Amino acid sequence: MEENKISIGLDIGTTKIVAMIGKRNEYEKVQILGVGKSKSLGVHRGVVNNITQTIQSIQQAVNEAELSADCKIESVTVGIAGQHIRSLQHSDYITRTNSELVIDEDDIDRLINQVHKLVMLPGEEIIHVLPQEFKVDGQAEIKEPVGMYGGRLEANFHVVVGQVSSIRNIGRCIKSAGLDLEGITLEPLASANAVLSFEEKEAGVALIDIGGGTTDLAVFKDGIIRHTAVIPFGGNVITDDIKEG
């Protein structure tokens, strides 16, 4: 997020939809300008199952956030969850044409883009490709290869995958609500970036976010994302069990 650039996050949950408007200040902290929320009527366990109701809930949350922040929202970044989400580990490499030049960001991007071209199961697409550790000419456990010399650049990746139909349904809801979709991010990662410190991620930590319809998990060690999961079990199930008990 650039300084003074307004950014909007949208959390489409099972029990409520929340829109938050913020900007980064001169101290590199995110200043919250406005928050809006509405009851989520068209989502079950993190997945849209009623387009019309979800659109209405999004519009209500966004309108409330706009009034709170006294500004107009045009685009949003949306958190995604749901039982259709899965993650996998993948290793890949590229061979650089000129090993006399140091590795730069373009080399990293080329390797990441190569992983994005992996063929998933029918009806699935890649949401995130997250580098974990790199190897340069066989030298392992490199966190940051930029600036190093080497001909072969390898990496281990944490790849997050979701159902194409579920992702498109979210996009349709956003567009029909009169907004542009700026990006999609996995909700456990968004939660981790919001509440976990650098020191916690280095030491090793598991973040568990129990929502109404799903439970999100993100595991970090040595500052690296090691595992993510979205479990189709949330607070609503616990509440129903208590009622029946």
Foldseek 3Di string as FASTA:
>chain_A
DDAPDKAWEWEQDQFKIKIWIWGQHPVRDTDTQFMFMFGQDQDALQFGRDLVSRLVRVLRGQVRRCVSNVHHAAEHEYAGFGQQKDKDKDKDKDFAPDLVDADAVVRVVVGQVVVQPDDDPPQKHWQDKFWFWKDFPRRTRHPDRGPHGGGMIMTMTMIMMGGPVRVVSVQVSQVVSNHHYPGYDHVVVVVCVVPPDQVDLACKDWDWDADQQWIWIWIHYNSGTDGIHIGRDHDVVVVVVVVVD
